[in-house]
Each structure stands twice: as C-alpha cells, then as structure tokens.
Amino acid sequence: YASLDCLTLCAVGLTDHSEGLTRLAELQCLRKLYLNLNALTSVDFFVAEMPGLSDLSVCGNRVQQIDGIRQLPGLKWLNIGQNPDIQFSSSLAFRSVQTLLMGGNPVADVERSE
C-alpha cells in the first residue's frame, strides 16, 4: 500500500484508540484521507506525521480539537462539519486551506485572522 494516495475509512467505528490509526503516517504518498462518521475526538495524534495531506475529512465524528492541523502545510480542503463539540483556538489559522466545510457546527464569535 506504499503508493496509496487516497484512503476512505468512513463509518467503520474508528476511535482515537483504534489500532492502526497512528500507522497512517507510514503511507507517505497519501494525499486524501476521509474518516467520516466514526467516533474520533481528535485528529492531532496522527496528522502531525502526514505533511503531504491535501484533503482531510472528519465530518460526523466527535472531534473536539483540531490544533494539529496547523502542521499540514499542503492542506487545501478540510471538512470538519457535524462535530458539535469542536473547539476553535483563536490562534488556529487555516493558512493553506482553500475550502473549509463546517456545516452543522456551532459557530460564534469567530475572529478573522489576517
């Protein structure tokens, strides 16, 4: 699977403690990762090791923190919708993201970053 560039693991019961999630970083060619409709509460524990990701979707999980996404310089497309407990740090900036999907999340007092 070394040359795999797109992986979809939607609605398969993944949690933060699922065996193999941290091994995703071994897929050095991976550019698109879709982890929708699981039970993840964080993406920080594995995305830091995946600087080549351009697309990431964690829609419909229980994600609370996404601060680790700052370590993805090539991220262009991000779907964090349907994560009602998500917290946004005021220092979180999506500098490289061109498309951000946030539907179904509570949004209040979001500061604009220049």
C-alpha atoms as a PDB file:
ATOM      1  CA  TYR A   1       0.000   0.000   0.000  1.00  0.00           C
ATOM      2  CA  ALA A   2       3.026   2.283  -0.148  1.00  0.00           C
ATOM      3  CA  SER A   3       1.746   4.150  -3.233  1.00  0.00           C
ATOM      4  CA  LEU A   4      -1.809   4.663  -1.914  1.00  0.00           C
ATOM      5  CA  ASP A   5      -2.825   8.305  -2.377  1.00  0.00           C
ATOM      6  CA  CYS A   6      -6.488   8.243  -1.271  1.00  0.00           C
ATOM      7  CA  LEU A   7      -7.990   6.349   1.670  1.00  0.00           C
ATOM      8  CA  THR A   8     -11.613   6.270   2.808  1.00  0.00           C
ATOM      9  CA  LEU A   9     -12.425   4.789   6.225  1.00  0.00           C
ATOM     10  CA  CYS A  10     -15.964   6.066   6.721  1.00  0.00           C
ATOM     11  CA  ALA A  11     -18.442   4.600   9.225  1.00  0.00           C
ATOM     12  CA  VAL A  12     -16.115   1.810  10.331  1.00  0.00           C
ATOM     13  CA  GLY A  13     -16.181   2.533  14.082  1.00  0.00           C
ATOM     14  CA  LEU A  14     -12.788   4.231  14.389  1.00  0.00           C
ATOM     15  CA  THR A  15     -11.920   5.794  17.737  1.00  0.00           C
ATOM     16  CA  ASP A  16      -8.832   7.666  18.914  1.00  0.00           C
ATOM     17  CA  HIS A  17      -7.534   4.337  20.211  1.00  0.00           C
ATOM     18  CA  SER A  18      -8.163   2.266  17.099  1.00  0.00           C
ATOM     19  CA  GLU A  19      -5.255   0.046  16.220  1.00  0.00           C
ATOM     20  CA  GLY A  20      -3.577   1.213  13.074  1.00  0.00           C
ATOM     21  CA  LEU A  21      -4.657   4.852  13.057  1.00  0.00           C
ATOM     22  CA  THR A  22      -1.214   6.057  14.047  1.00  0.00           C
ATOM     23  CA  ARG A  23       0.252   3.884  11.297  1.00  0.00           C
ATOM     24  CA  LEU A  24      -1.443   6.037   8.656  1.00  0.00           C
ATOM     25  CA  ALA A  25       1.689   8.191   8.692  1.00  0.00           C
ATOM     26  CA  GLU A  26       3.515   5.288   7.059  1.00  0.00           C
ATOM     27  CA  LEU A  27       1.514   5.963   3.889  1.00  0.00           C
ATOM     28  CA  GLN A  28       3.910   8.593   2.570  1.00  0.00           C
ATOM     29  CA  CYS A  29       2.023   9.056  -0.724  1.00  0.00           C
ATOM     30  CA  LEU A  30      -1.329   9.623   0.979  1.00  0.00           C
ATOM     31  CA  ARG A  31      -2.871  12.919  -0.136  1.00  0.00           C
ATOM     32  CA  LYS A  32      -6.582  12.431   0.621  1.00  0.00           C
ATOM     33  CA  LEU A  33      -7.962  10.969   3.838  1.00  0.00           C
ATOM     34  CA  TYR A  34     -11.665  10.585   4.620  1.00  0.00           C
ATOM     35  CA  LEU A  35     -12.585   9.471   8.153  1.00  0.00           C
ATOM     36  CA  ASN A  36     -16.254  10.492   8.239  1.00  0.00           C
ATOM     37  CA  LEU A  37     -18.914   9.065  10.551  1.00  0.00           C
ATOM     38  CA  ASN A  38     -16.654   7.470  13.138  1.00  0.00           C
ATOM     39  CA  ALA A  39     -16.100   8.248  16.843  1.00  0.00           C
ATOM     40  CA  LEU A  40     -12.894  10.304  16.672  1.00  0.00           C
ATOM     41  CA  THR A  41     -12.460  13.124  19.209  1.00  0.00           C
ATOM     42  CA  SER A  42      -9.119  14.422  17.905  1.00  0.00           C
ATOM     43  CA  VAL A  43      -7.034  14.421  14.765  1.00  0.00           C
ATOM     44  CA  ASP A  44      -3.934  15.822  16.431  1.00  0.00           C
ATOM     45  CA  PHE A  45      -2.435  12.442  17.285  1.00  0.00           C
ATOM     46  CA  PHE A  46      -1.863  11.393  13.687  1.00  0.00           C
ATOM     47  CA  VAL A  47      -1.953  14.353  11.304  1.00  0.00           C
ATOM     48  CA  ALA A  48       1.336  15.813  12.525  1.00  0.00           C
ATOM     49  CA  GLU A  49       3.112  12.957  10.775  1.00  0.00           C
ATOM     50  CA  MET A  50       1.278  13.470   7.464  1.00  0.00           C
ATOM     51  CA  PRO A  51       2.581  16.708   5.922  1.00  0.00           C
ATOM     52  CA  GLY A  52       1.597  15.613   2.393  1.00  0.00           C
ATOM     53  CA  LEU A  53      -2.160  15.606   3.029  1.00  0.00           C
ATOM     54  CA  SER A  54      -4.104  17.934   0.753  1.00  0.00           C
ATOM     55  CA  ASP A  55      -7.640  16.779   1.670  1.00  0.00           C
ATOM     56  CA  LEU A  56      -8.899  15.748   5.113  1.00  0.00           C
ATOM     57  CA  SER A  57     -12.460  14.983   6.126  1.00  0.00           C
ATOM     58  CA  VAL A  58     -13.546  14.123   9.656  1.00  0.00           C
ATOM     59  CA  CYS A  59     -17.212  15.030   9.193  1.00  0.00           C
ATOM     60  CA  GLY A  60     -19.699  13.413  11.554  1.00  0.00           C
ATOM     61  CA  ASN A  61     -17.321  12.466  14.354  1.00  0.00           C
ATOM     62  CA  ARG A  62     -16.961  13.807  17.894  1.00  0.00           C
ATOM     63  CA  VAL A  63     -13.869  15.890  17.154  1.00  0.00           C
ATOM     64  CA  GLN A  64     -13.160  18.469  19.838  1.00  0.00           C
ATOM     65  CA  GLN A  65      -9.657  19.694  18.939  1.00  0.00           C
ATOM     66  CA  ILE A  66      -8.078  20.355  15.558  1.00  0.00           C
ATOM     67  CA  ASP A  67      -4.998  22.357  16.533  1.00  0.00           C
ATOM     68  CA  GLY A  68      -2.661  19.798  14.931  1.00  0.00           C
ATOM     69  CA  ILE A  69      -3.986  20.760  11.506  1.00  0.00           C
ATOM     70  CA  ARG A  70      -1.606  23.735  11.577  1.00  0.00           C
ATOM     71  CA  GLN A  71       1.163  21.217  10.887  1.00  0.00           C
ATOM     72  CA  LEU A  72      -0.284  20.338   7.478  1.00  0.00           C
ATOM     73  CA  PRO A  73       1.271  22.885   5.108  1.00  0.00           C
ATOM     74  CA  GLY A  74      -0.270  21.348   1.981  1.00  0.00           C
ATOM     75  CA  LEU A  75      -3.855  21.071   3.265  1.00  0.00           C
ATOM     76  CA  LYS A  76      -6.220  22.630   0.717  1.00  0.00           C
ATOM     77  CA  TRP A  77      -9.592  21.018   1.509  1.00  0.00           C
ATOM     78  CA  LEU A  78     -10.924  20.416   5.033  1.00  0.00           C
ATOM     79  CA  ASN A  79     -14.306  19.083   6.146  1.00  0.00           C
ATOM     80  CA  ILE A  80     -14.920  19.361   9.898  1.00  0.00           C
ATOM     81  CA  GLY A  81     -18.725  19.535   9.652  1.00  0.00           C
ATOM     82  CA  GLN A  82     -21.098  17.774  12.024  1.00  0.00           C
ATOM     83  CA  ASN A  83     -18.729  17.859  15.007  1.00  0.00           C
ATOM     84  CA  PRO A  84     -20.906  19.700  17.552  1.00  0.00           C
ATOM     85  CA  ASP A  85     -18.272  19.744  20.328  1.00  0.00           C
ATOM     86  CA  ILE A  86     -15.471  21.194  18.215  1.00  0.00           C
ATOM     87  CA  GLN A  87     -13.383  23.945  19.809  1.00  0.00           C
ATOM     88  CA  PHE A  88     -11.552  26.584  17.814  1.00  0.00           C
ATOM     89  CA  SER A  89      -8.440  28.167  19.243  1.00  0.00           C
ATOM     90  CA  SER A  90      -8.166  31.875  18.480  1.00  0.00           C
ATOM     91  CA  SER A  91      -4.643  31.188  17.231  1.00  0.00           C
ATOM     92  CA  LEU A  92      -5.809  28.493  14.795  1.00  0.00           C
ATOM     93  CA  ALA A  93      -5.319  29.670  11.257  1.00  0.00           C
ATOM     94  CA  PHE A  94      -6.095  27.704   8.127  1.00  0.00           C
ATOM     95  CA  ARG A  95      -3.487  29.480   6.023  1.00  0.00           C
ATOM     96  CA  SER A  96      -3.235  26.932   3.217  1.00  0.00           C
ATOM     97  CA  VAL A  97      -6.883  25.758   3.264  1.00  0.00           C
ATOM     98  CA  GLN A  98      -8.844  26.896   0.222  1.00  0.00           C
ATOM     99  CA  THR A  99     -12.078  25.045   1.025  1.00  0.00           C
ATOM    100  CA  LEU A 100     -13.384  24.758   4.590  1.00  0.00           C
ATOM    101  CA  LEU A 101     -16.636  22.898   5.278  1.00  0.00           C
ATOM    102  CA  MET A 102     -18.098  23.466   8.763  1.00  0.00           C
ATOM    103  CA  GLY A 103     -21.817  22.710   8.362  1.00  0.00           C
ATOM    104  CA  GLY A 104     -23.620  21.537  11.479  1.00  0.00           C
ATOM    105  CA  ASN A 105     -21.145  23.051  13.934  1.00  0.00           C
ATOM    106  CA  PRO A 106     -21.968  25.824  16.395  1.00  0.00           C
ATOM    107  CA  VAL A 107     -20.140  28.970  15.312  1.00  0.00           C
ATOM    108  CA  ALA A 108     -19.992  32.072  17.495  1.00  0.00           C
ATOM    109  CA  ASP A 109     -17.519  34.929  17.766  1.00  0.00           C
ATOM    110  CA  VAL A 110     -15.082  33.628  15.183  1.00  0.00           C
ATOM    111  CA  GLU A 111     -12.212  36.073  14.836  1.00  0.00           C
ATOM    112  CA  ARG A 112     -10.817  36.809  11.421  1.00  0.00           C
ATOM    113  CA  SER A 113      -7.102  36.249  11.037  1.00  0.00           C
ATOM    114  CA  GLU A 114      -5.131  38.337   8.534  1.00  0.00           C
END
